[in-house]
Amino acid sequence: MILNYESLKISQSHGVSEGAKKLIWEVFFESRQRGISLSFHFPWLDDHRQKVACLTLEEVDEGGARVCAALVIKQQHIDGLGVVGLVGMVCVAPDHRGRGLSTRLMEAARAYAEDAKLGALVLWTNQPGVYEKVGFVIDSQDLYGTVKQVMGTTVSLESSIRKVDGISKQSLHTHGVPPFADDVIEFSDGNVTVTICQSKRGITLADWCGDTERLISLIERVLPDAWQLNILKDAPLLEVLHKHNYKMDLRPGAVRMLRRISMQDNATIPYINILQRI
């Protein structure tokens, strides 16, 4: 689908074009001097079984078409609610910023969501004002920062991997790795599980599963004395960490924003951790 919009054309496609991939890499990875490859961080971009749409604004001249702005929408089923669209990789080429291109793309995203009969569009941002202008509202907010056990006896991550018996460890990087990380690793003792993002800057606890009291034992066995945490501000794990004398320096992080399409006003989308976002 191609629509004229001033000197640019809005395109909607299933999957992500090479031009869009190039712009996404330049904006989110190359300019920030991070990342391994787009396929490493987002392998589902090339999985045709996934319901992924890409909206782009293209500048067309005699030399061909150049992608000037792009965003990606990944459909995700939520039990009891239906399908929502996770929005991410919203980017504009540096020489085209300040022209309202992201607003045009978000308007096209709403039209896409209506055509696809999605319940809502969902995104995460540190700049909510940008998206409030196009109908999104703040739904929840993360906390992010450092966690440290004041009177701990934990060891480094690498030594815990080598020495702790009865704990399985596996890399989950084939499912995708957040842009800030180099690997995703899951630890389990058979009853509870913790999943961490590993980078040169340290460890971030990204997900956990099981009884919160038992989680503390596993955390103390596999995580270093200090680590990063991304968590919903009223998550039960925070109270348990306080109880076990962990010192936390957490500050407001990204906000989750919704634009409801067909979803009821009283319907609530559950927490979606950083490993599942785009």
Protein backbone atom coordinates (compact mmCIF):
# COMPACT_ATOMS: atom_id res chain seq x y z
CA MET A 1 0.00 0.00 0.00
CA ILE A 2 1.48 3.36 -1.08
CA LEU A 3 -0.06 6.71 -0.12
CA ASN A 4 1.17 10.14 -1.19
CA TYR A 5 1.91 12.52 1.69
CA GLU A 6 3.44 15.77 0.50
CA SER A 7 6.84 14.85 -0.97
CA LEU A 8 6.99 11.54 0.89
CA LYS A 9 5.16 8.26 0.52
CA ILE A 10 3.82 6.17 3.37
CA SER A 11 4.33 2.44 2.85
CA GLN A 12 2.94 -0.46 4.84
CA SER A 13 4.41 -3.92 4.45
CA HIS A 14 4.41 -7.34 6.05
CA GLY A 15 7.90 -7.81 7.40
CA VAL A 16 10.64 -5.19 7.47
CA SER A 17 12.31 -3.91 4.33
CA GLU A 18 16.07 -3.64 3.95
CA GLY A 19 15.78 0.14 3.82
CA ALA A 20 13.92 0.20 7.14
CA LYS A 21 16.41 -2.22 8.70
CA LYS A 22 19.27 0.04 7.65
CA LEU A 23 17.66 3.10 9.26
CA ILE A 24 16.77 1.18 12.45
CA TRP A 25 20.35 -0.05 12.78
CA GLU A 26 21.80 3.42 12.23
CA VAL A 27 19.48 5.12 14.74
CA PHE A 28 19.28 2.57 17.57
CA PHE A 29 22.63 0.82 17.33
CA GLU A 30 25.34 2.41 15.20
CA SER A 31 24.81 5.95 16.48
CA ARG A 32 24.98 4.65 20.06
CA GLN A 33 28.00 2.42 19.40
CA ARG A 34 26.31 -0.76 20.52
CA GLY A 35 24.76 -3.90 19.13
CA ILE A 36 25.85 -7.09 17.37
CA SER A 37 23.45 -7.31 14.44
CA LEU A 38 19.78 -6.61 13.88
CA SER A 39 19.04 -10.31 13.38
CA PHE A 40 20.81 -11.12 16.67
CA HIS A 41 18.75 -8.66 18.70
CA PHE A 42 15.45 -9.14 16.84
CA PRO A 43 15.52 -12.55 15.08
CA TRP A 44 11.74 -12.47 14.60
CA LEU A 45 12.13 -9.65 12.07
CA ASP A 46 13.00 -12.30 9.48
CA ASP A 47 10.54 -14.93 10.69
CA HIS A 48 7.68 -14.87 8.19
CA ARG A 49 5.49 -16.81 10.62
CA GLN A 50 5.38 -13.75 12.87
CA LYS A 51 2.74 -11.10 12.26
CA VAL A 52 5.05 -8.13 11.91
CA ALA A 53 4.22 -4.96 10.00
CA CYS A 54 6.53 -2.12 9.08
CA LEU A 55 5.37 1.40 8.30
CA THR A 56 7.80 3.69 6.50
CA LEU A 57 7.97 7.16 5.07
CA GLU A 58 10.01 7.14 1.89
CA GLU A 59 11.54 9.91 -0.13
CA VAL A 60 11.35 9.06 -3.82
CA ASP A 61 13.42 10.76 -6.50
CA GLU A 62 15.17 9.85 -9.72
CA GLY A 63 17.75 7.86 -7.77
CA GLY A 64 15.12 5.63 -6.16
CA ALA A 65 13.49 5.48 -2.74
CA ARG A 66 15.10 6.23 0.62
CA VAL A 67 13.48 5.35 3.96
CA CYS A 68 13.35 8.52 6.06
CA ALA A 69 11.26 7.23 8.98
CA ALA A 70 10.02 3.85 10.16
CA LEU A 71 8.26 1.96 12.91
CA VAL A 72 7.52 -1.70 13.55
CA ILE A 73 4.33 -3.28 14.90
CA LYS A 74 4.46 -6.84 16.22
CA GLN A 75 1.16 -8.53 16.97
CA GLN A 76 0.95 -10.36 20.29
CA HIS A 77 -1.89 -12.41 21.74
CA ILE A 78 -2.86 -11.59 25.32
CA ASP A 79 -4.87 -14.28 27.12
CA GLY A 80 -8.41 -13.12 27.74
CA LEU A 81 -7.96 -9.90 25.76
CA GLY A 82 -7.14 -10.89 22.20
CA VAL A 83 -4.40 -9.42 20.01
CA VAL A 84 -2.55 -6.15 20.60
CA GLY A 85 0.15 -4.48 18.56
CA LEU A 86 3.51 -3.84 20.22
CA VAL A 87 5.01 -0.71 18.67
CA GLY A 88 8.75 -0.11 18.57
CA MET A 89 11.78 1.03 16.60
CA VAL A 90 10.13 4.38 15.91
CA CYS A 91 12.91 6.26 14.16
CA VAL A 92 13.48 9.23 11.87
CA ALA A 93 16.63 9.92 9.86
CA PRO A 94 18.62 12.82 11.41
CA ASP A 95 18.21 15.07 8.37
CA HIS A 96 14.41 14.67 8.43
CA ARG A 97 13.74 15.33 12.11
CA GLY A 98 11.51 18.17 13.21
CA ARG A 99 9.10 17.68 10.30
CA GLY A 100 6.46 15.70 12.18
CA LEU A 101 7.27 12.41 10.46
CA SER A 102 6.85 10.30 13.60
CA THR A 103 3.38 11.80 14.07
CA ARG A 104 2.45 10.82 10.52
CA LEU A 105 3.67 7.29 11.14
CA MET A 106 1.69 6.99 14.37
CA GLU A 107 -1.44 8.10 12.56
CA ALA A 108 -0.79 5.39 9.97
CA ALA A 109 -0.23 2.90 12.83
CA ARG A 110 -3.70 3.65 14.19
CA ALA A 111 -5.21 3.01 10.76
CA TYR A 112 -3.28 -0.26 10.53
CA ALA A 113 -4.53 -1.33 13.98
CA GLU A 114 -8.12 -0.62 13.02
CA ASP A 115 -7.80 -2.61 9.78
CA ALA A 116 -6.13 -5.50 11.63
CA LYS A 117 -8.80 -5.37 14.36
CA LEU A 118 -6.22 -5.05 17.14
CA GLY A 119 -7.39 -4.36 20.67
CA ALA A 120 -4.77 -1.68 21.28
CA LEU A 121 -1.36 -0.35 20.36
CA VAL A 122 1.27 -0.60 23.13
CA LEU A 123 4.66 1.11 23.36
CA TRP A 124 7.34 2.04 25.90
CA THR A 125 9.01 5.43 26.01
CA ASN A 126 10.84 7.99 28.13
CA GLN A 127 9.16 10.80 26.18
CA PRO A 128 5.42 10.33 26.76
CA GLY A 129 4.54 13.81 25.55
CA VAL A 130 5.42 12.83 21.99
CA TYR A 131 2.79 10.10 21.96
CA GLU A 132 0.12 11.83 24.01
CA LYS A 133 -0.31 14.14 21.02
CA VAL A 134 -1.46 11.19 18.91
CA GLY A 135 -3.90 9.62 21.35
CA PHE A 136 -1.72 7.44 23.59
CA VAL A 137 -2.17 7.51 27.37
CA ILE A 138 0.20 6.41 30.14
CA ASP A 139 -0.76 2.99 31.46
CA SER A 140 2.07 2.13 33.90
CA GLN A 141 5.68 2.96 34.72
CA ASP A 142 8.82 0.94 35.31
CA LEU A 143 11.46 1.48 37.93
CA TYR A 144 15.09 1.00 36.97
CA GLY A 145 18.33 1.12 38.92
CA THR A 146 20.87 -0.71 41.06
CA VAL A 147 20.19 -3.41 43.61
CA LYS A 148 22.80 -4.48 46.16
CA GLN A 149 22.70 -6.84 49.10
CA VAL A 150 24.13 -4.98 52.08
CA MET A 151 25.29 -8.08 53.97
CA GLY A 152 25.71 -10.50 51.10
CA THR A 153 28.00 -13.43 50.48
CA THR A 154 27.40 -13.72 46.75
CA VAL A 155 30.15 -14.30 44.22
CA SER A 156 30.73 -13.00 40.72
CA LEU A 157 28.49 -14.12 37.91
CA GLU A 158 31.17 -16.14 36.14
CA SER A 159 32.27 -18.03 39.26
CA SER A 160 28.64 -18.75 40.16
CA ILE A 161 28.14 -20.33 36.76
CA ARG A 162 31.11 -22.62 37.29
CA LYS A 163 30.64 -23.52 40.95
CA VAL A 164 26.97 -23.61 41.88
CA ASP A 165 25.64 -27.17 41.78
CA GLY A 166 22.04 -28.03 41.02
CA ILE A 167 21.37 -24.92 38.94
CA SER A 168 20.85 -25.14 35.20
CA LYS A 169 21.99 -22.35 32.93
CA GLN A 170 21.13 -21.72 29.32
CA SER A 171 21.53 -18.89 26.85
CA LEU A 172 18.30 -17.62 25.36
CA HIS A 173 19.84 -15.31 22.78
CA THR A 174 18.22 -17.16 19.89
CA HIS A 175 14.91 -15.64 21.01
CA GLY A 176 16.28 -12.10 20.85
CA VAL A 177 18.42 -9.82 23.00
CA PRO A 178 17.52 -6.26 24.12
CA PRO A 179 19.61 -3.59 22.35
CA PHE A 180 21.63 -2.76 25.48
CA ALA A 181 22.69 -6.38 26.11
CA ASP A 182 25.03 -9.00 24.63
CA ASP A 183 23.26 -12.13 25.87
CA VAL A 184 20.21 -13.38 27.74
CA ILE A 185 20.80 -16.16 30.29
CA GLU A 186 18.28 -18.21 32.25
CA PHE A 187 19.07 -19.87 35.59
CA SER A 188 16.78 -22.43 37.24
CA ASP A 189 16.91 -24.75 40.24
CA GLY A 190 13.88 -26.68 39.01
CA ASN A 191 11.42 -24.68 41.10
CA VAL A 192 12.18 -21.03 40.40
CA THR A 193 13.80 -19.28 37.46
CA VAL A 194 15.60 -15.98 36.92
CA THR A 195 16.52 -14.53 33.56
CA ILE A 196 19.24 -11.92 33.19
CA CYS A 197 20.57 -9.66 30.46
CA GLN A 198 24.34 -9.60 30.34
CA SER A 199 26.35 -6.70 28.93
CA LYS A 200 29.75 -5.09 29.37
CA ARG A 201 28.16 -2.77 31.93
CA GLY A 202 26.92 -5.60 34.13
CA ILE A 203 23.86 -7.70 34.82
CA THR A 204 20.19 -6.74 34.60
CA LEU A 205 17.51 -8.95 36.13
CA ALA A 206 14.89 -9.05 33.38
CA ASP A 207 12.43 -11.78 34.36
CA TRP A 208 11.68 -14.26 37.14
CA CYS A 209 9.22 -17.02 37.81
CA GLY A 210 8.23 -18.79 41.02
CA ASP A 211 7.70 -18.09 44.69
CA THR A 212 9.33 -14.76 45.55
CA GLU A 213 10.92 -16.06 48.77
CA ARG A 214 12.58 -18.93 46.90
CA LEU A 215 13.68 -16.51 44.20
CA ILE A 216 15.85 -14.70 46.73
CA SER A 217 17.83 -17.88 47.37
CA LEU A 218 18.47 -18.36 43.65
CA ILE A 219 19.35 -14.69 43.18
CA GLU A 220 21.91 -14.89 45.97
CA ARG A 221 23.50 -17.94 44.39
CA VAL A 222 23.84 -16.75 40.79
CA LEU A 223 23.86 -12.95 40.71
CA PRO A 224 26.77 -10.71 41.71
CA ASP A 225 26.58 -8.47 44.77
CA ALA A 226 25.32 -5.54 42.69
CA TRP A 227 23.05 -5.74 39.66
CA GLN A 228 20.48 -3.76 37.73
CA LEU A 229 16.72 -4.23 37.94
CA ASN A 230 13.89 -3.25 35.59
CA ILE A 231 10.56 -3.79 37.34
CA LEU A 232 6.99 -2.55 37.62
CA LYS A 233 6.82 -0.07 40.49
CA ASP A 234 4.33 -2.11 42.55
CA ALA A 235 5.73 -5.59 41.83
CA PRO A 236 5.73 -8.00 44.84
CA LEU A 237 9.44 -8.75 44.39
CA LEU A 238 10.32 -5.25 45.61
CA GLU A 239 8.83 -5.91 49.04
CA VAL A 240 10.69 -9.21 49.31
CA LEU A 241 14.01 -7.55 48.38
CA HIS A 242 13.43 -4.93 51.11
CA LYS A 243 12.69 -7.70 53.59
CA HIS A 244 16.00 -9.40 52.78
CA ASN A 245 18.06 -6.24 53.33
CA TYR A 246 18.73 -5.36 49.73
CA LYS A 247 19.63 -1.74 49.13
CA MET A 248 17.88 -0.36 46.05
CA ASP A 249 18.58 2.84 44.18
CA LEU A 250 15.65 2.80 41.76
CA ARG A 251 14.36 5.70 39.72
CA PRO A 252 11.46 6.14 37.31
CA GLY A 253 12.08 4.37 34.03
CA ALA A 254 10.12 3.97 30.82
CA VAL A 255 6.36 4.42 30.81
CA ARG A 256 4.03 2.06 29.03
CA MET A 257 1.51 3.83 26.83
CA LEU A 258 -1.68 2.53 25.23
CA ARG A 259 -3.85 3.62 22.40
CA ARG A 260 -7.03 1.60 22.71
CA ILE A 261 -8.62 0.57 19.44
CA SER A 262 -11.35 -1.97 20.21
CA MET A 263 -10.31 -2.89 23.74
CA GLN A 264 -12.76 -2.08 26.54
CA ASP A 265 -11.83 0.84 28.79
CA ASN A 266 -11.77 -1.40 31.87
CA ALA A 267 -9.58 -4.10 30.26
CA THR A 268 -6.05 -4.35 31.68
CA ILE A 269 -2.99 -5.58 29.81
CA PRO A 270 -0.62 -7.57 32.08
CA TYR A 271 2.99 -6.57 32.63
CA ILE A 272 5.23 -7.22 29.63
CA ASN A 273 8.91 -7.53 30.57
CA ILE A 274 11.83 -6.02 28.65
CA LEU A 275 12.58 -9.30 26.86
CA GLN A 276 9.19 -9.26 25.11
CA ARG A 277 9.13 -5.60 24.12
CA ILE A 278 10.30 -3.99 20.92
